[in-house]
């Protein structure tokens, strides 16, 4: 069965969630395109979720995003609709494409509605038992040759394959958040994965304009394999420097080091908040369960979840408070876990004192956003980090230690067979996390 044939009936589980909604949007646009090219065929995308209210919100989101996509790609759409002489103005084309996207979607809370699907994209809660139970139910409804794509970011695919009894008809297809924007998808196959499924996975990636990087079937894969250990290093550093930077000062300092000194898009604690403190805890638990020689756990993360200070996003994409407090999605304070309240940044007070103790940024430093599209990015990074190497300020020492640990984690992923090579590790961090450079480098050599 070809990909085009499979795309006539597709299901997304967890469709109204943060990841599922983006996956639905991507698939719906491709299916709408096929519908225009093949008017005699029917296309159905079953958007399955447990909440009718959430599905209502999903449909509103999809319409708004389809309009934006159509406005951006109007030239391409004019070619797609070249036989429609009634579509004259750009707004006619935009309206038609938006309607075509909406027409393929079937929102439902009934899993049985997805029984005709020949491709199932699973984006439900990161819980092994729940995934197996839901997939097993759906497997009993769907045709025997249905292919399953799991968006799991940590659970080994062979566990899902064996638990459901899919006989190689499931693959790990880890989109990065938000799926509609992020270009990366980690592809996780097993020795049992069917070749046809692997081939179709690459073909759908081309259709959705995704860059595929393979990861071996080890819990956490490449992305979270690095990210979770990066978190644990940051938390350990906060504890280690508590004598110099006590309480909220330590979190502020390490967040600043990981963002400014390492020139990343956001600091490590801001990134934890973005993903969700509780989500990070859950991923660590999954990885620990499947990595017998390693325990990934943080008392600080556990305490934050216990206090229900967990970050994440609101329905409109706004950032919820977590380790940091946010106003207009910008950090303005740090959570004091002992006092149970936020301590606001004070640029003339405690935050300035922390900045002064950390010391200046390296000569030649530029902000992440400035370097992102700079054609001389590599040259400027080498100059900046070359200068960092010669500094002995507290901030520089923390940054160099962070650099070293990040590289150790990256090399460990290759050594342990999670990644095939250093290029794949660096590719996941630069494409999936928007880092300017990968963790395996020679900047401080």
Protein backbone atom coordinates (compact mmCIF):
# COMPACT_ATOMS: atom_id res chain seq x y z
CA UNK A 1 0.00 0.00 0.00
CA UNK A 2 1.39 3.41 -0.99
CA UNK A 3 1.66 6.40 1.32
CA UNK A 4 -1.03 8.22 -0.67
CA UNK A 5 -3.39 5.30 -0.13
CA UNK A 6 -2.64 5.17 3.59
CA UNK A 7 -3.26 8.91 3.87
CA UNK A 8 -6.90 8.37 2.90
CA UNK A 9 -7.58 7.21 6.47
CA UNK A 10 -5.41 8.50 9.31
CA UNK A 11 -5.92 8.84 13.06
CA UNK A 12 -4.17 10.98 15.65
CA UNK A 13 -4.55 9.95 19.29
CA UNK A 14 -4.27 12.79 21.79
CA UNK A 15 -5.20 15.15 18.99
CA UNK A 16 -6.08 18.14 21.17
CA UNK A 17 -2.86 18.05 23.16
CA UNK A 18 0.21 20.22 22.71
CA UNK A 19 1.92 17.71 20.41
CA UNK A 20 -1.17 16.10 18.89
CA UNK A 21 -2.63 19.37 17.66
CA UNK A 22 0.52 20.17 15.71
CA UNK A 23 0.62 16.68 14.21
CA UNK A 24 -3.03 17.00 13.14
CA UNK A 25 -2.28 20.34 11.49
CA UNK A 26 0.64 18.94 9.49
CA UNK A 27 -1.26 15.87 8.34
CA UNK A 28 -4.46 17.78 7.56
CA UNK A 29 -2.59 20.15 5.25
CA UNK A 30 -1.01 17.28 3.34
CA UNK A 31 -4.33 15.42 3.12
CA UNK A 32 -6.06 18.60 1.92
CA UNK A 33 -3.46 18.88 -0.84
CA UNK A 34 -4.10 15.28 -1.88
CA UNK A 35 -7.84 15.93 -1.84
CA UNK A 36 -7.45 18.74 -4.36
CA UNK A 37 -5.26 16.58 -6.61
CA UNK A 38 -7.56 13.55 -6.28
CA UNK A 39 -11.14 14.90 -6.11
CA UNK A 40 -12.65 11.43 -6.60
CA UNK A 41 -11.08 10.09 -3.40
CA UNK A 42 -12.14 10.64 0.19
CA UNK A 43 -9.73 11.65 2.97
CA UNK A 44 -10.49 11.28 6.66
CA UNK A 45 -8.32 12.38 9.56
CA UNK A 46 -9.79 11.13 12.85
CA UNK A 47 -8.71 13.54 15.59
CA UNK A 48 -9.25 11.50 18.74
CA UNK A 49 -9.17 12.99 22.24
CA UNK A 50 -10.96 12.40 25.53
CA UNK A 51 -12.34 15.94 25.85
CA UNK A 52 -15.01 17.42 23.59
CA UNK A 53 -14.15 20.90 24.86
CA UNK A 54 -10.52 20.37 23.96
CA UNK A 55 -11.55 19.20 20.50
CA UNK A 56 -13.57 22.41 20.05
CA UNK A 57 -10.42 24.33 20.89
CA UNK A 58 -8.46 22.15 18.47
CA UNK A 59 -10.74 23.02 15.57
CA UNK A 60 -10.42 26.73 16.29
CA UNK A 61 -6.63 26.36 16.47
CA UNK A 62 -6.49 24.40 13.21
CA UNK A 63 -8.56 26.95 11.32
CA UNK A 64 -6.40 29.85 12.52
CA UNK A 65 -3.19 28.00 11.67
CA UNK A 66 -4.49 26.91 8.27
CA UNK A 67 -5.25 30.53 7.42
CA UNK A 68 -1.70 31.53 8.41
CA UNK A 69 -0.19 28.70 6.38
CA UNK A 70 -2.32 29.63 3.36
CA UNK A 71 -1.35 33.29 3.59
CA UNK A 72 2.32 32.35 3.75
CA UNK A 73 2.11 29.82 0.90
CA UNK A 74 -0.36 31.57 -1.35
CA UNK A 75 1.90 31.35 -4.43
CA UNK A 76 2.20 27.58 -4.05
CA UNK A 77 -1.54 27.25 -3.42
CA UNK A 78 -2.31 29.22 -6.57
CA UNK A 79 -0.49 26.48 -8.48
CA UNK A 80 -2.38 23.79 -6.55
CA UNK A 81 -5.73 25.38 -7.45
CA UNK A 82 -4.76 26.33 -11.01
CA UNK A 83 -7.78 24.52 -12.45
CA UNK A 84 -10.20 26.43 -10.21
CA UNK A 85 -11.10 29.42 -12.36
CA UNK A 86 -13.52 30.60 -9.67
CA UNK A 87 -10.66 31.26 -7.25
CA UNK A 88 -9.42 34.65 -8.42
CA UNK A 89 -8.24 36.66 -5.46
CA UNK A 90 -5.76 35.51 -2.82
CA UNK A 91 -8.47 35.54 -0.19
CA UNK A 92 -10.51 33.12 -2.32
CA UNK A 93 -7.61 30.68 -2.35
CA UNK A 94 -6.95 31.14 1.35
CA UNK A 95 -10.59 30.47 2.21
CA UNK A 96 -10.72 27.41 -0.05
CA UNK A 97 -7.57 25.85 1.41
CA UNK A 98 -8.76 26.54 4.96
CA UNK A 99 -12.07 24.84 4.15
CA UNK A 100 -10.29 21.90 2.52
CA UNK A 101 -8.12 21.42 5.61
CA UNK A 102 -11.16 21.48 7.86
CA UNK A 103 -13.12 19.12 5.62
CA UNK A 104 -10.75 16.17 6.13
CA UNK A 105 -10.81 16.35 9.95
CA UNK A 106 -13.21 14.24 11.99
CA UNK A 107 -12.94 15.27 15.67
CA UNK A 108 -14.16 12.55 18.01
CA UNK A 109 -13.97 11.23 21.55
CA UNK A 110 -14.77 7.71 20.33
CA UNK A 111 -11.73 5.54 19.70
CA UNK A 112 -13.84 3.24 17.54
CA UNK A 113 -14.15 6.02 14.96
CA UNK A 114 -10.48 5.48 14.12
CA UNK A 115 -11.07 1.84 13.19
CA UNK A 116 -10.54 2.47 9.46
CA UNK A 117 -7.16 4.18 9.91
CA UNK A 118 -4.22 2.81 7.94
CA UNK A 119 -1.84 5.17 9.75
CA UNK A 120 -2.13 6.01 13.46
CA UNK A 121 -0.09 8.76 15.09
CA UNK A 122 -0.05 8.34 18.88
CA UNK A 123 0.61 11.43 21.00
CA UNK A 124 -1.01 10.54 24.32
CA UNK A 125 0.37 10.70 27.85
CA UNK A 126 3.94 9.44 28.35
CA UNK A 127 2.79 6.38 30.27
CA UNK A 128 3.81 2.94 29.08
CA UNK A 129 0.77 1.10 30.41
CA UNK A 130 -1.70 3.65 29.03
CA UNK A 131 -0.08 3.65 25.59
CA UNK A 132 -0.11 -0.15 25.42
CA UNK A 133 -3.74 -0.36 26.54
CA UNK A 134 -5.00 2.23 24.05
CA UNK A 135 -2.94 0.90 21.16
CA UNK A 136 -4.03 -2.66 21.90
CA UNK A 137 -7.67 -1.58 21.79
CA UNK A 138 -7.16 0.25 18.51
CA UNK A 139 -5.20 -2.64 17.03
CA UNK A 140 -8.28 -4.77 17.56
CA UNK A 141 -10.30 -2.28 15.50
CA UNK A 142 -7.92 -1.35 12.68
CA UNK A 143 -6.89 -3.39 9.63
CA UNK A 144 -3.99 -5.78 10.15
CA UNK A 145 -1.65 -3.73 7.95
CA UNK A 146 -2.16 -0.44 9.83
CA UNK A 147 1.08 1.33 10.71
CA UNK A 148 1.57 3.04 14.08
CA UNK A 149 3.77 6.08 14.74
CA UNK A 150 4.46 6.80 18.41
CA UNK A 151 5.47 10.29 19.48
CA UNK A 152 6.97 8.91 22.69
CA UNK A 153 10.07 10.80 23.76
CA UNK A 154 11.40 8.18 26.16
CA UNK A 155 9.68 4.75 26.07
CA UNK A 156 11.59 2.12 24.06
CA UNK A 157 9.65 1.19 20.93
CA UNK A 158 10.23 -2.53 21.34
CA UNK A 159 8.35 -2.33 24.66
CA UNK A 160 5.29 -0.91 22.88
CA UNK A 161 5.65 -3.33 19.97
CA UNK A 162 5.83 -6.39 22.22
CA UNK A 163 3.24 -5.09 24.69
CA UNK A 164 0.61 -4.51 22.00
CA UNK A 165 1.65 -7.36 19.69
CA UNK A 166 2.14 -5.20 16.60
CA UNK A 167 4.76 -7.45 14.99
CA UNK A 168 6.98 -4.60 13.78
CA UNK A 169 4.15 -2.33 12.60
CA UNK A 170 5.12 0.47 15.03
CA UNK A 171 7.93 3.00 14.86
CA UNK A 172 9.08 5.86 17.05
CA UNK A 173 8.32 9.17 15.36
CA UNK A 174 9.31 11.79 17.89
CA UNK A 175 8.21 15.24 16.72
CA UNK A 176 9.70 18.20 18.55
CA UNK A 177 7.58 20.89 20.13
CA UNK A 178 5.83 22.63 18.48
CA UNK A 179 5.47 20.06 15.66
CA UNK A 180 4.15 22.60 13.18
CA UNK A 181 7.32 24.69 13.53
CA UNK A 182 10.14 22.37 14.56
CA UNK A 183 11.91 20.72 11.64
CA UNK A 184 13.27 17.70 13.52
CA UNK A 185 11.76 14.26 13.98
CA UNK A 186 13.71 11.51 15.72
CA UNK A 187 13.06 8.17 14.04
CA UNK A 188 13.35 5.12 16.31
CA UNK A 189 13.15 1.68 14.77
CA UNK A 190 13.89 -1.76 16.18
CA UNK A 191 15.26 -4.97 14.68
CA UNK A 192 11.62 -6.00 14.27
CA UNK A 193 10.41 -2.84 12.50
CA UNK A 194 9.12 -3.54 9.00
CA UNK A 195 11.14 -2.05 6.17
CA UNK A 196 8.01 -0.71 4.48
CA UNK A 197 7.21 1.27 7.63
CA UNK A 198 10.72 2.72 7.75
CA UNK A 199 10.51 3.71 4.09
CA UNK A 200 7.10 5.33 4.56
CA UNK A 201 8.41 7.17 7.65
CA UNK A 202 11.07 8.83 5.53
CA UNK A 203 8.57 9.61 2.78
CA UNK A 204 6.09 11.25 5.14
CA UNK A 205 8.96 13.28 6.61
CA UNK A 206 9.65 14.73 3.15
CA UNK A 207 5.97 15.57 2.72
CA UNK A 208 5.84 17.29 6.12
CA UNK A 209 9.22 18.99 5.55
CA UNK A 210 10.87 17.30 8.50
CA UNK A 211 14.51 16.43 8.99
CA UNK A 212 14.89 12.83 10.15
CA UNK A 213 17.66 11.85 12.55
CA UNK A 214 17.72 8.18 13.58
CA UNK A 215 18.09 7.09 17.19
CA UNK A 216 18.60 3.58 18.44
CA UNK A 217 15.88 2.10 20.63
CA UNK A 218 17.27 3.14 24.03
CA UNK A 219 15.07 4.90 26.60
CA UNK A 220 15.15 8.67 26.18
CA UNK A 221 16.68 8.38 22.71
CA UNK A 222 19.11 11.14 21.72
CA UNK A 223 17.12 14.27 22.62
CA UNK A 224 15.99 13.42 26.12
CA UNK A 225 19.07 11.28 26.62
CA UNK A 226 21.01 14.54 26.58
CA UNK A 227 18.37 16.88 28.02
CA UNK A 228 17.57 14.87 31.16
CA UNK A 229 21.24 14.46 32.05
CA UNK A 230 21.77 18.15 31.29
CA UNK A 231 19.04 18.90 33.85
CA UNK A 232 20.70 16.72 36.45
CA UNK A 233 24.00 18.52 35.95
CA UNK A 234 22.28 21.90 36.39
CA UNK A 235 20.54 20.77 39.58
CA UNK A 236 23.80 19.35 40.94
CA UNK A 237 25.55 22.64 40.23
CA UNK A 238 22.88 24.58 42.12
CA UNK A 239 23.54 22.37 45.13
CA UNK A 240 27.33 22.57 44.75
CA UNK A 241 27.48 26.38 44.65
CA UNK A 242 24.92 26.91 47.43
CA UNK A 243 27.62 28.28 49.75
CA UNK A 244 28.35 31.10 47.30
CA UNK A 245 24.97 31.40 45.62
CA UNK A 246 22.35 30.26 48.16
CA UNK A 247 18.70 29.48 47.40
CA UNK A 248 17.21 31.31 44.44
CA UNK A 249 20.62 32.80 43.61
CA UNK A 250 21.91 29.38 42.55
CA UNK A 251 18.99 28.74 40.18
CA UNK A 252 19.33 32.22 38.71
CA UNK A 253 23.10 31.79 38.31
CA UNK A 254 22.98 28.38 36.61
CA UNK A 255 20.12 29.49 34.37
CA UNK A 256 22.20 32.49 33.32
CA UNK A 257 25.27 30.36 32.72
CA UNK A 258 23.39 27.90 30.52
CA UNK A 259 21.74 30.66 28.49
CA UNK A 260 24.18 33.54 28.28
CA UNK A 261 27.63 32.01 28.75
CA UNK A 262 26.78 28.95 26.61
CA UNK A 263 24.77 31.07 24.13
CA UNK A 264 21.62 28.94 24.14
CA UNK A 265 18.08 30.11 23.25
CA UNK A 266 16.96 29.79 26.88
CA UNK A 267 18.44 28.81 30.22
CA UNK A 268 18.12 25.26 31.51
CA UNK A 269 15.49 26.07 34.15
CA UNK A 270 13.46 28.06 31.64
CA UNK A 271 13.61 25.07 29.30
CA UNK A 272 12.42 22.76 32.09
CA UNK A 273 9.47 25.11 32.65
CA UNK A 274 8.72 25.15 28.92
CA UNK A 275 8.58 21.35 28.74
CA UNK A 276 6.92 21.04 32.16
CA UNK A 277 8.62 20.12 35.43
CA UNK A 278 6.22 17.18 35.83
CA UNK A 279 6.90 16.00 32.28
CA UNK A 280 10.65 16.03 32.96
CA UNK A 281 10.07 14.02 36.14
CA UNK A 282 8.00 11.48 34.21
CA UNK A 283 10.63 11.11 31.48
CA UNK A 284 13.32 10.55 34.11
CA UNK A 285 11.21 7.82 35.70
CA UNK A 286 10.69 6.10 32.35
CA UNK A 287 14.39 6.24 31.54
CA UNK A 288 15.37 4.94 34.96
CA UNK A 289 12.98 2.01 34.58
CA UNK A 290 14.64 0.98 31.32
CA UNK A 291 18.27 1.85 32.11
CA UNK A 292 19.28 -0.68 34.79
CA UNK A 293 22.75 0.78 35.31
CA UNK A 294 21.64 4.38 35.84
CA UNK A 295 19.21 6.25 38.08
CA UNK A 296 17.95 9.56 36.78
CA UNK A 297 16.23 11.39 39.60
CA UNK A 298 16.29 14.85 41.12
CA UNK A 299 15.08 15.66 44.59
CA UNK A 300 14.58 19.28 43.51
CA UNK A 301 12.40 18.25 40.56
CA UNK A 302 10.42 15.93 42.85
CA UNK A 303 9.88 18.69 45.40
CA UNK A 304 8.68 21.12 42.72
CA UNK A 305 6.16 18.58 41.42
CA UNK A 306 5.09 17.87 45.00
CA UNK A 307 4.30 21.56 45.42
CA UNK A 308 2.47 21.55 42.06
CA UNK A 309 4.78 24.20 40.65
CA UNK A 310 5.21 22.58 37.26
CA UNK A 311 5.35 25.12 34.44
CA UNK A 312 4.01 24.09 31.04
CA UNK A 313 1.93 26.26 28.70
CA UNK A 314 -1.54 27.74 28.67
CA UNK A 315 -3.86 26.95 25.76
CA UNK A 316 -2.79 30.15 24.01
CA UNK A 317 0.89 29.21 24.24
CA UNK A 318 1.67 31.45 27.20
CA UNK A 319 4.24 30.18 29.67
CA UNK A 320 3.10 29.01 33.10
CA UNK A 321 5.20 29.70 36.19
CA UNK A 322 7.62 27.00 37.26
CA UNK A 323 11.19 27.38 38.48
CA UNK A 324 10.87 30.89 37.09
CA UNK A 325 7.98 33.35 37.17
CA UNK A 326 6.92 34.82 33.84
CA UNK A 327 5.37 38.03 32.63
CA UNK A 328 4.66 38.23 28.90
CA UNK A 329 6.60 34.95 28.59
CA UNK A 330 9.76 36.52 29.99
CA UNK A 331 11.36 35.42 33.30
CA UNK A 332 10.89 37.97 36.08
CA UNK A 333 11.52 35.95 39.23
CA UNK A 334 12.72 32.68 40.79
CA UNK A 335 10.72 30.26 42.93
CA UNK A 336 12.00 29.88 46.50
CA UNK A 337 11.04 26.29 47.22
CA UNK A 338 11.65 26.59 50.96
CA UNK A 339 9.46 29.67 51.35
CA UNK A 340 6.92 28.61 48.72
CA UNK A 341 6.97 31.98 46.93
CA UNK A 342 8.63 33.81 44.08
CA UNK A 343 11.51 36.21 44.59
CA UNK A 344 11.34 38.83 41.88
CA UNK A 345 14.40 39.87 39.92
CA UNK A 346 15.96 43.06 41.26
CA UNK A 347 18.45 44.48 38.79
CA UNK A 348 19.68 46.95 41.39
CA UNK A 349 19.69 44.37 44.18
CA UNK A 350 20.29 40.62 44.51
CA UNK A 351 20.33 39.77 40.80
CA UNK A 352 22.92 42.46 40.13
CA UNK A 353 25.07 41.07 42.94
CA UNK A 354 24.85 37.58 41.41
CA UNK A 355 25.76 38.97 37.98
CA UNK A 356 28.73 40.83 39.47
CA UNK A 357 29.97 37.70 41.28
CA UNK A 358 29.68 35.61 38.12
CA UNK A 359 31.73 38.15 36.23
CA UNK A 360 31.59 39.44 32.65
CA UNK A 361 30.73 37.48 29.54
CA UNK A 362 33.68 36.58 27.29
CA UNK A 363 35.01 39.18 24.91
CA UNK A 364 33.44 38.71 21.49
CA UNK A 365 30.20 37.40 22.98
CA UNK A 366 26.93 37.85 21.06
CA UNK A 367 23.42 36.86 22.04
CA UNK A 368 21.91 33.65 20.61
CA UNK A 369 19.33 35.52 18.55
CA UNK A 370 22.00 37.68 16.89
CA UNK A 371 24.13 34.69 15.96
CA UNK A 372 21.30 32.45 14.78
CA UNK A 373 21.35 33.67 11.16
CA UNK A 374 24.81 35.20 11.18
CA UNK A 375 26.93 33.82 8.29
CA UNK A 376 30.00 34.29 10.50
CA UNK A 377 28.43 32.38 13.40
CA UNK A 378 31.11 29.68 13.55
CA UNK A 379 33.96 32.18 13.54
CA UNK A 380 32.34 34.28 16.26
CA UNK A 381 31.62 31.24 18.43
CA UNK A 382 35.26 30.18 18.24
CA UNK A 383 36.45 33.63 19.24
CA UNK A 384 33.99 33.86 22.13
CA UNK A 385 34.67 30.39 23.52
CA UNK A 386 38.38 30.77 22.93
CA UNK A 387 38.27 33.80 25.22
CA UNK A 388 36.07 31.92 27.71
CA UNK A 389 38.77 29.25 27.96
CA UNK A 390 41.29 31.80 29.29
CA UNK A 391 38.98 33.28 31.95
CA UNK A 392 38.95 32.23 35.59
CA UNK A 393 35.91 34.10 36.91
CA UNK A 394 33.22 32.12 38.79
CA UNK A 395 30.90 32.43 35.78
CA UNK A 396 33.56 31.23 33.35
CA UNK A 397 34.43 28.26 35.56
CA UNK A 398 30.78 27.26 35.82
CA UNK A 399 30.39 27.61 32.05
CA UNK A 400 33.47 25.51 31.30
CA UNK A 401 32.26 22.79 33.67
CA UNK A 402 28.85 22.87 31.96
CA UNK A 403 30.55 22.66 28.55
CA UNK A 404 32.58 19.65 29.66
CA UNK A 405 29.61 17.79 31.12
CA UNK A 406 27.47 18.46 28.02
CA UNK A 407 30.21 16.99 25.85
CA UNK A 408 30.56 13.96 28.14
CA UNK A 409 26.82 13.33 27.86
CA UNK A 410 26.94 13.62 24.07
CA UNK A 411 29.89 11.28 23.71
CA UNK A 412 28.22 8.87 26.14
CA UNK A 413 25.20 8.64 23.84
CA UNK A 414 27.47 7.52 21.02
CA UNK A 415 29.48 5.14 23.22
CA UNK A 416 26.32 3.54 24.62
CA UNK A 417 24.88 3.03 21.14
CA UNK A 418 22.00 5.48 21.47
CA UNK A 419 23.28 7.60 18.59
CA UNK A 420 25.12 6.24 15.58
CA UNK A 421 27.67 9.05 15.60
CA UNK A 422 28.54 12.49 16.96
CA UNK A 423 26.90 14.18 13.98
CA UNK A 424 23.52 12.73 14.95
CA UNK A 425 23.88 13.93 18.55
CA UNK A 426 24.83 17.40 17.39
CA UNK A 427 22.05 17.34 14.80
CA UNK A 428 19.36 16.66 17.40
CA UNK A 429 20.59 19.44 19.69
CA UNK A 430 20.92 22.00 16.90
CA UNK A 431 17.69 21.10 15.08
CA UNK A 432 15.49 20.02 17.97
CA UNK A 433 16.68 22.37 20.70
CA UNK A 434 17.86 25.22 18.44
CA UNK A 435 21.36 25.22 19.90
CA UNK A 436 23.90 27.06 17.77
CA UNK A 437 26.33 24.18 18.08
CA UNK A 438 26.33 20.56 19.16
CA UNK A 439 27.71 19.35 22.51
CA UNK A 440 30.51 17.37 20.84
CA UNK A 441 32.89 20.07 19.64
CA UNK A 442 36.44 21.37 20.00
CA UNK A 443 35.71 24.94 21.11
CA UNK A 444 37.51 24.56 24.42
CA UNK A 445 40.15 22.09 23.19
